C-alpha atoms as a PDB file:
ATOM      1  CA  LYS A   1       0.074   0.043  -0.486  1.00  0.00           C
ATOM      2  CA  VAL A   2       3.102   2.243   0.511  1.00  0.00           C
ATOM      3  CA  LEU A   3       2.505   3.003  -3.622  1.00  0.00           C
ATOM      4  CA  HIS A   4      -0.476   4.610  -3.050  1.00  0.00           C
ATOM      5  CA  PHE A   5       1.601   7.353  -0.698  1.00  0.00           C
ATOM      6  CA  PHE A   6       4.082   8.842  -3.530  1.00  0.00           C
ATOM      7  CA  ASN A   7       3.327  11.153  -6.366  1.00  0.00           C
ATOM      8  CA  GLN A   8       6.233   9.953  -8.735  1.00  0.00           C
ATOM      9  CA  PRO A   9       7.054   6.362  -9.391  1.00  0.00           C
ATOM     10  CA  LEU A  10       9.568   4.993  -7.086  1.00  0.00           C
ATOM     11  CA  ARG A  11      11.075   1.684  -5.966  1.00  0.00           C
ATOM     12  CA  ILE A  12      10.943   0.428  -2.359  1.00  0.00           C
ATOM     13  CA  VAL A  13      13.688  -2.075  -1.579  1.00  0.00           C
ATOM     14  CA  LYS A  14      12.694  -3.528   1.681  1.00  0.00           C
ATOM     15  CA  ASP A  15      15.973  -6.074   1.568  1.00  0.00           C
ATOM     16  CA  GLN A  16      16.855  -5.995   5.687  1.00  0.00           C
ATOM     17  CA  VAL A  17      13.482  -6.072   6.815  1.00  0.00           C
ATOM     18  CA  LEU A  18      12.483  -8.094  10.481  1.00  0.00           C
ATOM     19  CA  SER A  19      11.983 -11.194  11.401  1.00  0.00           C
ATOM     20  CA  ILE A  20       8.405 -12.571  10.391  1.00  0.00           C
ATOM     21  CA  PRO A  21       6.010 -12.544  13.805  1.00  0.00           C
ATOM     22  CA  ILE A  22       5.353 -16.147  14.970  1.00  0.00           C
ATOM     23  CA  LEU A  23       0.993 -15.913  13.239  1.00  0.00           C
ATOM     24  CA  PHE A  24       2.009 -14.589  10.032  1.00  0.00           C
ATOM     25  CA  GLN A  25       4.743 -17.185  10.059  1.00  0.00           C
ATOM     26  CA  LEU A  26       1.826 -20.050  10.656  1.00  0.00           C
ATOM     27  CA  ILE A  27      -0.076 -18.082   8.310  1.00  0.00           C
ATOM     28  CA  ALA A  28       2.510 -18.770   5.646  1.00  0.00           C
ATOM     29  CA  LYS A  29       3.250 -22.134   6.672  1.00  0.00           C
ATOM     30  CA  HIS A  30      -0.354 -22.867   5.231  1.00  0.00           C
ATOM     31  CA  ASN A  31      -0.686 -20.444   2.471  1.00  0.00           C
ATOM     32  CA  GLN A  32       2.888 -20.992   0.719  1.00  0.00           C
ATOM     33  CA  ASP A  33       0.864 -20.663  -2.668  1.00  0.00           C
ATOM     34  CA  ASN A  34       0.199 -16.678  -1.774  1.00  0.00           C
ATOM     35  CA  LEU A  35       3.420 -15.533  -0.178  1.00  0.00           C
ATOM     36  CA  LYS A  36       3.525 -12.175  -2.077  1.00  0.00           C
ATOM     37  CA  GLU A  37       0.063 -11.639  -1.639  1.00  0.00           C
ATOM     38  CA  LEU A  38       0.668 -11.449   2.060  1.00  0.00           C
ATOM     39  CA  TYR A  39       3.601  -9.564   1.706  1.00  0.00           C
ATOM     40  CA  LYS A  40       1.158  -6.806  -0.721  1.00  0.00           C
ATOM     41  CA  VAL A  41      -1.731  -6.661   1.995  1.00  0.00           C
ATOM     42  CA  PHE A  42      -0.643  -7.341   5.597  1.00  0.00           C
ATOM     43  CA  ASN A  43       3.076  -6.672   5.273  1.00  0.00           C
ATOM     44  CA  MET A  44       3.780  -9.926   6.372  1.00  0.00           C
ATOM     45  CA  GLY A  45       3.080  -8.311  10.085  1.00  0.00           C
ATOM     46  CA  HIS A  46       5.879  -6.417   9.305  1.00  0.00           C
ATOM     47  CA  ARG A  47       4.949  -3.341  11.627  1.00  0.00           C
ATOM     48  CA  LEU A  48       5.117  -0.031  11.449  1.00  0.00           C
ATOM     49  CA  GLU A  49       7.311   1.247   8.411  1.00  0.00           C
ATOM     50  CA  ILE A  50       8.800   5.319   8.533  1.00  0.00           C
ATOM     51  CA  TYR A  51      10.318   6.635   5.183  1.00  0.00           C
ATOM     52  CA  THR A  52      12.887   9.711   6.196  1.00  0.00           C
ATOM     53  CA  LYS A  53      16.360  10.847   5.150  1.00  0.00           C
ATOM     54  CA  GLU A  54      18.902   8.159   7.066  1.00  0.00           C
ATOM     55  CA  SER A  55      20.339  11.132   9.746  1.00  0.00           C
ATOM     56  CA  VAL A  56      16.485  10.945  10.879  1.00  0.00           C
ATOM     57  CA  ALA A  57      16.292   7.261  10.276  1.00  0.00           C
ATOM     58  CA  TYR A  58      19.656   6.765  13.019  1.00  0.00           C
ATOM     59  CA  GLN A  59      17.873   9.213  15.637  1.00  0.00           C
ATOM     60  CA  MET A  60      14.825   7.631  15.391  1.00  0.00           C
ATOM     61  CA  ILE A  61      15.911   3.973  16.079  1.00  0.00           C
ATOM     62  CA  GLU A  62      18.307   5.578  19.206  1.00  0.00           C
ATOM     63  CA  LEU A  63      15.083   6.950  20.628  1.00  0.00           C
ATOM     64  CA  ALA A  64      12.999   3.637  20.141  1.00  0.00           C
ATOM     65  CA  LYS A  65      15.837   1.954  21.917  1.00  0.00           C
ATOM     66  CA  GLN A  66      15.063   3.648  24.863  1.00  0.00           C
ATOM     67  CA  PHE A  67      11.793   1.974  24.756  1.00  0.00           C
ATOM     68  CA  ASN A  68      12.673  -1.121  24.592  1.00  0.00           C
ATOM     69  CA  ILE A  69      10.839  -1.096  20.930  1.00  0.00           C
ATOM     70  CA  GLU A  70      13.358  -3.226  17.684  1.00  0.00           C
ATOM     71  CA  ALA A  71      14.020  -0.998  15.238  1.00  0.00           C
ATOM     72  CA  LYS A  72      16.215  -0.690  12.333  1.00  0.00           C
ATOM     73  CA  ILE A  73      16.978   0.443   8.500  1.00  0.00           C
ATOM     74  CA  ILE A  74      14.770  -2.406   6.139  1.00  0.00           C
ATOM     75  CA  GLY A  75      15.845  -0.690   2.862  1.00  0.00           C
ATOM     76  CA  ARG A  76      15.624   2.255   0.723  1.00  0.00           C
ATOM     77  CA  VAL A  77      13.849   4.102  -1.714  1.00  0.00           C
ATOM     78  CA  GLU A  78      14.804   4.349  -5.577  1.00  0.00           C
ATOM     79  CA  LYS A  79      13.757   5.914  -8.795  1.00  0.00           C
ATOM     80  CA  SER A  80      12.063   4.144 -10.697  1.00  0.00           C
ATOM     81  CA  THR A  81      10.038   4.003 -13.909  1.00  0.00           C
ATOM     82  CA  VAL A  82       7.358   2.335 -12.589  1.00  0.00           C
ATOM     83  CA  PRO A  83       6.014   2.273  -9.164  1.00  0.00           C
ATOM     84  CA  GLU A  84       7.304  -1.156  -7.449  1.00  0.00           C
ATOM     85  CA  VAL A  85       8.493  -3.069  -4.171  1.00  0.00           C
ATOM     86  CA  PHE A  86      11.098  -5.459  -3.712  1.00  0.00           C
ATOM     87  CA  ILE A  87      11.229  -7.714  -0.445  1.00  0.00           C
ATOM     88  CA  LYS A  88      13.863  -9.867   0.371  1.00  0.00           C
ATOM     89  CA  SER A  89      13.540 -11.620   3.269  1.00  0.00           C
ATOM     90  CA  GLU A  90      13.317 -15.635   5.186  1.00  0.00           C
ATOM     91  CA  LEU A  91      10.812 -16.628   2.723  1.00  0.00           C
ATOM     92  CA  GLY A  92      12.133 -15.059  -0.525  1.00  0.00           C
ATOM     93  CA  ILE A  93      11.955 -12.388  -2.529  1.00  0.00           C
ATOM     94  CA  PHE A  94       9.010 -10.365  -4.105  1.00  0.00           C
ATOM     95  CA  SER A  95       8.100  -7.869  -5.977  1.00  0.00           C
ATOM     96  CA  TYR A  96       4.486  -6.144  -7.797  1.00  0.00           C
ATOM     97  CA  GLU A  97       3.952  -3.229  -9.101  1.00  0.00           C
ATOM     98  CA  GLY A  98       1.477  -0.773  -8.529  1.00  0.00           C
ATOM     99  CA  HIS A  99      -0.169   1.978  -9.950  1.00  0.00           C
ATOM    100  CA  LYS A 100      -1.341   5.758  -9.376  1.00  0.00           C
ATOM    101  CA  GLU A 101      -5.327   5.892  -8.671  1.00  0.00           C
ATOM    102  CA  ILE A 102      -7.103   8.734  -9.743  1.00  0.00           C
END
């Protein structure tokens, strides 16, 4: 759903994702044929994502640590000719394109 929030085509690369929560591991185990859809629709339980400058991200991570909240940089945003999300996780590699709704 992240592709709906950008006004230009960008490639969202998530190649350092957090571990999959146990609930989503169980769902994935029984839904092997539709893992891409689990990422696209439910974000595979990946929690909150914030898109910001790298320097700000490091400050936010340090603040999260003070509250015992796991946080890290999970990827990056790249220029692209088409809106796309690319995910590399423990379950494989997935990508999907989006479109801007009018």
